[in-house]
């Protein structure tokens, strides 16, 4: 699912009903909270990929006066 698709799905879910029944057919949207969690999860994965180290950064600590 593309980022724009998920964003539009969240907008549609927030504006529309959670459950609809027509002619005996019932359609239910995923809970809005689950969609938001999925969006946050995907954003975290993208951020980790951008950092190149999976979100970790290594630094070398050198005390003052040493080379």
PDB file of N, CA and C in Angstrom:
ATOM      1  N   UNK A   1       0.855  -1.168   0.000  1.00  0.00           N
ATOM      2  CA  UNK A   1       0.000   0.000   0.000  1.00  0.00           C
ATOM      3  C   UNK A   1       0.902   1.232   0.000  1.00  0.00           C
ATOM      4  N   UNK A   2       0.678   2.107  -0.907  1.00  0.00           N
ATOM      5  CA  UNK A   2       1.483   3.315  -1.024  1.00  0.00           C
ATOM      6  C   UNK A   2       1.142   4.283   0.108  1.00  0.00           C
ATOM      7  N   UNK A   3       2.074   5.170   0.390  1.00  0.00           N
ATOM      8  CA  UNK A   3       1.897   6.135   1.469  1.00  0.00           C
ATOM      9  C   UNK A   3       0.651   6.990   1.242  1.00  0.00           C
ATOM     10  N   UNK A   4       0.443   7.441   0.012  1.00  0.00           N
ATOM     11  CA  UNK A   4      -0.716   8.273  -0.297  1.00  0.00           C
ATOM     12  C   UNK A   4      -2.010   7.482  -0.126  1.00  0.00           C
ATOM     13  N   UNK A   5      -1.979   6.191  -0.493  1.00  0.00           N
ATOM     14  CA  UNK A   5      -3.176   5.361  -0.347  1.00  0.00           C
ATOM     15  C   UNK A   5      -3.569   5.228   1.117  1.00  0.00           C
ATOM     16  N   UNK A   6      -2.588   5.000   1.986  1.00  0.00           N
ATOM     17  CA  UNK A   6      -2.876   4.862   3.409  1.00  0.00           C
ATOM     18  C   UNK A   6      -3.391   6.172   3.979  1.00  0.00           C
ATOM     19  N   UNK A   7      -2.793   7.274   3.561  1.00  0.00           N
ATOM     20  CA  UNK A   7      -3.251   8.578   4.040  1.00  0.00           C
ATOM     21  C   UNK A   7      -4.697   8.830   3.621  1.00  0.00           C
ATOM     22  N   UNK A   8      -5.026   8.523   2.373  1.00  0.00           N
ATOM     23  CA  UNK A   8      -6.398   8.714   1.889  1.00  0.00           C
ATOM     24  C   UNK A   8      -7.353   7.757   2.595  1.00  0.00           C
ATOM     25  N   UNK A   9      -6.922   6.546   2.884  1.00  0.00           N
ATOM     26  CA  UNK A   9      -7.754   5.587   3.607  1.00  0.00           C
ATOM     27  C   UNK A   9      -8.087   6.100   4.997  1.00  0.00           C
ATOM     28  N   UNK A  10      -7.095   6.691   5.675  1.00  0.00           N
ATOM     29  CA  UNK A  10      -7.331   7.251   7.011  1.00  0.00           C
ATOM     30  C   UNK A  10      -8.336   8.401   6.936  1.00  0.00           C
ATOM     31  N   UNK A  11      -8.183   9.265   5.941  1.00  0.00           N
ATOM     32  CA  UNK A  11      -9.114  10.393   5.779  1.00  0.00           C
ATOM     33  C   UNK A  11     -10.523   9.883   5.513  1.00  0.00           C
ATOM     34  N   UNK A  12     -10.657   8.910   4.620  1.00  0.00           N
ATOM     35  CA  UNK A  12     -11.973   8.358   4.295  1.00  0.00           C
ATOM     36  C   UNK A  12     -12.604   7.678   5.512  1.00  0.00           C
ATOM     37  N   UNK A  13     -11.785   6.942   6.275  1.00  0.00           N
ATOM     38  CA  UNK A  13     -12.303   6.239   7.448  1.00  0.00           C
ATOM     39  C   UNK A  13     -12.782   7.231   8.507  1.00  0.00           C
ATOM     40  N   UNK A  14     -12.077   8.342   8.635  1.00  0.00           N
ATOM     41  CA  UNK A  14     -12.472   9.348   9.625  1.00  0.00           C
ATOM     42  C   UNK A  14     -13.772  10.046   9.225  1.00  0.00           C
ATOM     43  N   UNK A  15     -14.015  10.181   7.927  1.00  0.00           N
ATOM     44  CA  UNK A  15     -15.200  10.899   7.460  1.00  0.00           C
ATOM     45  C   UNK A  15     -16.415   9.995   7.289  1.00  0.00           C
ATOM     46  N   UNK A  16     -16.208   8.725   7.044  1.00  0.00           N
ATOM     47  CA  UNK A  16     -17.309   7.829   6.751  1.00  0.00           C
ATOM     48  C   UNK A  16     -17.737   6.998   7.944  1.00  0.00           C
ATOM     49  N   UNK A  17     -18.802   6.223   7.752  1.00  0.00           N
ATOM     50  CA  UNK A  17     -19.274   5.348   8.829  1.00  0.00           C
ATOM     51  C   UNK A  17     -18.338   4.148   9.005  1.00  0.00           C
ATOM     52  N   UNK A  18     -18.331   3.584  10.210  1.00  0.00           N
ATOM     53  CA  UNK A  18     -17.479   2.439  10.491  1.00  0.00           C
ATOM     54  C   UNK A  18     -18.074   1.153   9.905  1.00  0.00           C
ATOM     55  N   UNK A  19     -19.411   1.093   9.806  1.00  0.00           N
ATOM     56  CA  UNK A  19     -20.075  -0.114   9.342  1.00  0.00           C
ATOM     57  C   UNK A  19     -21.310   0.266   8.535  1.00  0.00           C
ATOM     58  N   UNK A  20     -21.509  -0.402   7.393  1.00  0.00           N
ATOM     59  CA  UNK A  20     -22.651  -0.114   6.529  1.00  0.00           C
ATOM     60  C   UNK A  20     -23.295  -1.433   6.117  1.00  0.00           C
ATOM     61  N   UNK A  21     -24.633  -1.463   6.141  1.00  0.00           N
ATOM     62  CA  UNK A  21     -25.367  -2.637   5.688  1.00  0.00           C
ATOM     63  C   UNK A  21     -26.358  -2.209   4.618  1.00  0.00           C
ATOM     64  N   UNK A  22     -26.264  -2.841   3.431  1.00  0.00           N
ATOM     65  CA  UNK A  22     -27.169  -2.551   2.321  1.00  0.00           C
ATOM     66  C   UNK A  22     -27.581  -3.881   1.699  1.00  0.00           C
ATOM     67  N   UNK A  23     -28.874  -4.098   1.574  1.00  0.00           N
ATOM     68  CA  UNK A  23     -29.420  -5.311   0.965  1.00  0.00           C
ATOM     69  C   UNK A  23     -28.792  -6.575   1.549  1.00  0.00           C
ATOM     70  N   UNK A  24     -28.627  -6.608   2.839  1.00  0.00           N
ATOM     71  CA  UNK A  24     -28.093  -7.789   3.505  1.00  0.00           C
ATOM     72  C   UNK A  24     -26.577  -7.920   3.443  1.00  0.00           C
ATOM     73  N   UNK A  25     -25.901  -7.034   2.742  1.00  0.00           N
ATOM     74  CA  UNK A  25     -24.435  -7.047   2.659  1.00  0.00           C
ATOM     75  C   UNK A  25     -23.878  -6.049   3.679  1.00  0.00           C
ATOM     76  N   UNK A  26     -22.941  -6.505   4.486  1.00  0.00           N
ATOM     77  CA  UNK A  26     -22.342  -5.643   5.499  1.00  0.00           C
ATOM     78  C   UNK A  26     -20.871  -5.433   5.187  1.00  0.00           C
ATOM     79  N   UNK A  27     -20.472  -4.176   5.233  1.00  0.00           N
ATOM     80  CA  UNK A  27     -19.073  -3.810   5.019  1.00  0.00           C
ATOM     81  C   UNK A  27     -18.616  -3.045   6.245  1.00  0.00           C
ATOM     82  N   UNK A  28     -17.446  -3.422   6.780  1.00  0.00           N
ATOM     83  CA  UNK A  28     -16.925  -2.778   7.972  1.00  0.00           C
ATOM     84  C   UNK A  28     -15.500  -2.298   7.704  1.00  0.00           C
ATOM     85  N   UNK A  29     -15.224  -1.051   8.052  1.00  0.00           N
ATOM     86  CA  UNK A  29     -13.881  -0.493   7.872  1.00  0.00           C
ATOM     87  C   UNK A  29     -12.991  -0.936   9.020  1.00  0.00           C
ATOM     88  N   UNK A  30     -11.682  -1.011   8.770  1.00  0.00           N
ATOM     89  CA  UNK A  30     -10.782  -1.267   9.889  1.00  0.00           C
ATOM     90  C   UNK A  30     -10.878  -0.116  10.890  1.00  0.00           C
ATOM     91  N   UNK A  31     -10.661  -0.402  12.165  1.00  0.00           N
ATOM     92  CA  UNK A  31     -10.719   0.679  13.156  1.00  0.00           C
ATOM     93  C   UNK A  31      -9.719   1.785  12.824  1.00  0.00           C
ATOM     94  N   UNK A  32     -10.126   3.030  13.044  1.00  0.00           N
ATOM     95  CA  UNK A  32      -9.297   4.181  12.733  1.00  0.00           C
ATOM     96  C   UNK A  32      -7.975   4.133  13.504  1.00  0.00           C
ATOM     97  N   UNK A  33      -8.018   3.684  14.734  1.00  0.00           N
ATOM     98  CA  UNK A  33      -6.802   3.581  15.541  1.00  0.00           C
ATOM     99  C   UNK A  33      -5.783   2.632  14.922  1.00  0.00           C
ATOM    100  N   UNK A  34      -6.262   1.523  14.349  1.00  0.00           N
ATOM    101  CA  UNK A  34      -5.361   0.569  13.701  1.00  0.00           C
ATOM    102  C   UNK A  34      -4.710   1.185  12.467  1.00  0.00           C
ATOM    103  N   UNK A  35      -5.465   1.976  11.706  1.00  0.00           N
ATOM    104  CA  UNK A  35      -4.909   2.629  10.524  1.00  0.00           C
ATOM    105  C   UNK A  35      -3.838   3.648  10.911  1.00  0.00           C
ATOM    106  N   UNK A  36      -4.084   4.375  11.988  1.00  0.00           N
ATOM    107  CA  UNK A  36      -3.106   5.365  12.444  1.00  0.00           C
ATOM    108  C   UNK A  36      -1.843   4.668  12.940  1.00  0.00           C
ATOM    109  N   UNK A  37      -1.997   3.558  13.657  1.00  0.00           N
ATOM    110  CA  UNK A  37      -0.834   2.788  14.115  1.00  0.00           C
ATOM    111  C   UNK A  37      -0.021   2.281  12.925  1.00  0.00           C
ATOM    112  N   UNK A  38      -0.705   1.810  11.887  1.00  0.00           N
ATOM    113  CA  UNK A  38      -0.012   1.325  10.695  1.00  0.00           C
ATOM    114  C   UNK A  38       0.759   2.458  10.023  1.00  0.00           C
ATOM    115  N   UNK A  39       0.153   3.642   9.966  1.00  0.00           N
ATOM    116  CA  UNK A  39       0.817   4.798   9.367  1.00  0.00           C
ATOM    117  C   UNK A  39       2.074   5.171  10.161  1.00  0.00           C
ATOM    118  N   UNK A  40       1.982   5.185  11.487  1.00  0.00           N
ATOM    119  CA  UNK A  40       3.139   5.497  12.330  1.00  0.00           C
ATOM    120  C   UNK A  40       4.234   4.447  12.165  1.00  0.00           C
ATOM    121  N   UNK A  41       3.834   3.195  12.079  1.00  0.00           N
ATOM    122  CA  UNK A  41       4.807   2.108  11.899  1.00  0.00           C
ATOM    123  C   UNK A  41       5.566   2.272  10.588  1.00  0.00           C
ATOM    124  N   UNK A  42       4.850   2.564   9.524  1.00  0.00           N
ATOM    125  CA  UNK A  42       5.495   2.744   8.223  1.00  0.00           C
ATOM    126  C   UNK A  42       6.398   3.974   8.221  1.00  0.00           C
ATOM    127  N   UNK A  43       5.984   5.037   8.906  1.00  0.00           N
ATOM    128  CA  UNK A  43       6.818   6.233   8.995  1.00  0.00           C
ATOM    129  C   UNK A  43       8.109   5.929   9.751  1.00  0.00           C
ATOM    130  N   UNK A  44       8.023   5.137  10.808  1.00  0.00           N
ATOM    131  CA  UNK A  44       9.217   4.760  11.562  1.00  0.00           C
ATOM    132  C   UNK A  44      10.154   3.912  10.720  1.00  0.00           C
ATOM    133  N   UNK A  45       9.597   3.016   9.919  1.00  0.00           N
ATOM    134  CA  UNK A  45      10.430   2.180   9.050  1.00  0.00           C
ATOM    135  C   UNK A  45      11.144   3.033   7.999  1.00  0.00           C
ATOM    136  N   UNK A  46      10.441   4.010   7.434  1.00  0.00           N
ATOM    137  CA  UNK A  46      11.063   4.898   6.441  1.00  0.00           C
ATOM    138  C   UNK A  46      12.180   5.715   7.083  1.00  0.00           C
ATOM    139  N   UNK A  47      11.963   6.190   8.301  1.00  0.00           N
ATOM    140  CA  UNK A  47      12.981   6.985   8.996  1.00  0.00           C
ATOM    141  C   UNK A  47      14.213   6.136   9.293  1.00  0.00           C
ATOM    142  N   UNK A  48      14.011   4.887   9.660  1.00  0.00           N
ATOM    143  CA  UNK A  48      15.139   4.001   9.949  1.00  0.00           C
ATOM    144  C   UNK A  48      15.940   3.720   8.685  1.00  0.00           C
ATOM    145  N   UNK A  49      15.272   3.567   7.572  1.00  0.00           N
ATOM    146  CA  UNK A  49      15.976   3.322   6.308  1.00  0.00           C
ATOM    147  C   UNK A  49      16.792   4.541   5.897  1.00  0.00           C
ATOM    148  N   UNK A  50      16.245   5.745   6.132  1.00  0.00           N
ATOM    149  CA  UNK A  50      16.956   6.972   5.765  1.00  0.00           C
ATOM    150  C   UNK A  50      18.235   7.144   6.570  1.00  0.00           C
ATOM    151  N   UNK A  51      18.228   6.703   7.826  1.00  0.00           N
ATOM    152  CA  UNK A  51      19.409   6.893   8.660  1.00  0.00           C
ATOM    153  C   UNK A  51      20.533   5.955   8.242  1.00  0.00           C
ATOM    154  N   UNK A  52      20.192   4.863   7.579  1.00  0.00           N
ATOM    155  CA  UNK A  52      21.206   3.932   7.096  1.00  0.00           C
ATOM    156  C   UNK A  52      21.643   2.904   8.119  1.00  0.00           C
ATOM    157  N   UNK A  53      21.373   3.123   9.378  1.00  0.00           N
ATOM    158  CA  UNK A  53      21.797   2.181  10.410  1.00  0.00           C
ATOM    159  C   UNK A  53      20.612   1.657  11.215  1.00  0.00           C
ATOM    160  N   UNK A  54      19.449   1.765  10.678  1.00  0.00           N
ATOM    161  CA  UNK A  54      18.286   1.271  11.391  1.00  0.00           C
ATOM    162  C   UNK A  54      17.937   2.096  12.626  1.00  0.00           C
ATOM    163  N   UNK A  55      18.289   3.370  12.614  1.00  0.00           N
ATOM    164  CA  UNK A  55      17.961   4.232  13.730  1.00  0.00           C
ATOM    165  C   UNK A  55      19.068   4.364  14.756  1.00  0.00           C
ATOM    166  N   UNK A  56      20.180   3.647  14.589  1.00  0.00           N
ATOM    167  CA  UNK A  56      21.297   3.740  15.523  1.00  0.00           C
ATOM    168  C   UNK A  56      22.385   4.651  14.977  1.00  0.00           C
ATOM    169  N   UNK A  57      23.016   5.349  15.878  1.00  0.00           N
ATOM    170  CA  UNK A  57      24.130   6.196  15.477  1.00  0.00           C
ATOM    171  C   UNK A  57      25.291   5.911  16.421  1.00  0.00           C
ATOM    172  N   UNK A  58      26.456   5.588  15.862  1.00  0.00           N
ATOM    173  CA  UNK A  58      27.625   5.276  16.646  1.00  0.00           C
ATOM    174  C   UNK A  58      28.585   6.463  16.631  1.00  0.00           C
ATOM    175  N   UNK A  59      29.089   6.802  17.816  1.00  0.00           N
ATOM    176  CA  UNK A  59      30.072   7.888  17.930  1.00  0.00           C
ATOM    177  C   UNK A  59      31.219   7.411  18.802  1.00  0.00           C
ATOM    178  N   UNK A  60      32.374   7.943  18.563  1.00  0.00           N
ATOM    179  CA  UNK A  60      33.543   7.608  19.366  1.00  0.00           C
ATOM    180  C   UNK A  60      33.742   8.731  20.371  1.00  0.00           C
ATOM    181  N   UNK A  61      33.776   8.371  21.653  1.00  0.00           N
ATOM    182  CA  UNK A  61      33.960   9.361  22.699  1.00  0.00           C
ATOM    183  C   UNK A  61      35.440   9.412  23.060  1.00  0.00           C
ATOM    184  N   UNK A  62      36.011  10.603  22.987  1.00  0.00           N
ATOM    185  CA  UNK A  62      37.430  10.812  23.299  1.00  0.00           C
ATOM    186  C   UNK A  62      37.498  11.809  24.445  1.00  0.00           C
ATOM    187  N   UNK A  63      38.106  11.406  25.584  1.00  0.00           N
ATOM    188  CA  UNK A  63      38.220  12.337  26.696  1.00  0.00           C
ATOM    189  C   UNK A  63      39.147  13.495  26.348  1.00  0.00           C
ATOM    190  N   UNK A  64      38.938  14.663  26.940  1.00  0.00           N
ATOM    191  CA  UNK A  64      39.784  15.814  26.648  1.00  0.00           C
ATOM    192  C   UNK A  64      41.239  15.534  27.052  1.00  0.00           C
ATOM    193  N   UNK A  65      42.165  16.050  26.258  1.00  0.00           N
ATOM    194  CA  UNK A  65      43.583  15.912  26.540  1.00  0.00           C
ATOM    195  C   UNK A  65      44.226  14.653  25.983  1.00  0.00           C
ATOM    196  N   UNK A  66      43.424  13.813  25.309  1.00  0.00           N
ATOM    197  CA  UNK A  66      43.988  12.610  24.679  1.00  0.00           C
ATOM    198  C   UNK A  66      43.828  12.740  23.183  1.00  0.00           C
ATOM    199  N   UNK A  67      44.650  12.001  22.486  1.00  0.00           N
ATOM    200  CA  UNK A  67      44.605  12.104  21.025  1.00  0.00           C
ATOM    201  C   UNK A  67      43.836  11.017  20.413  1.00  0.00           C
TER     202      UNK A  67
END
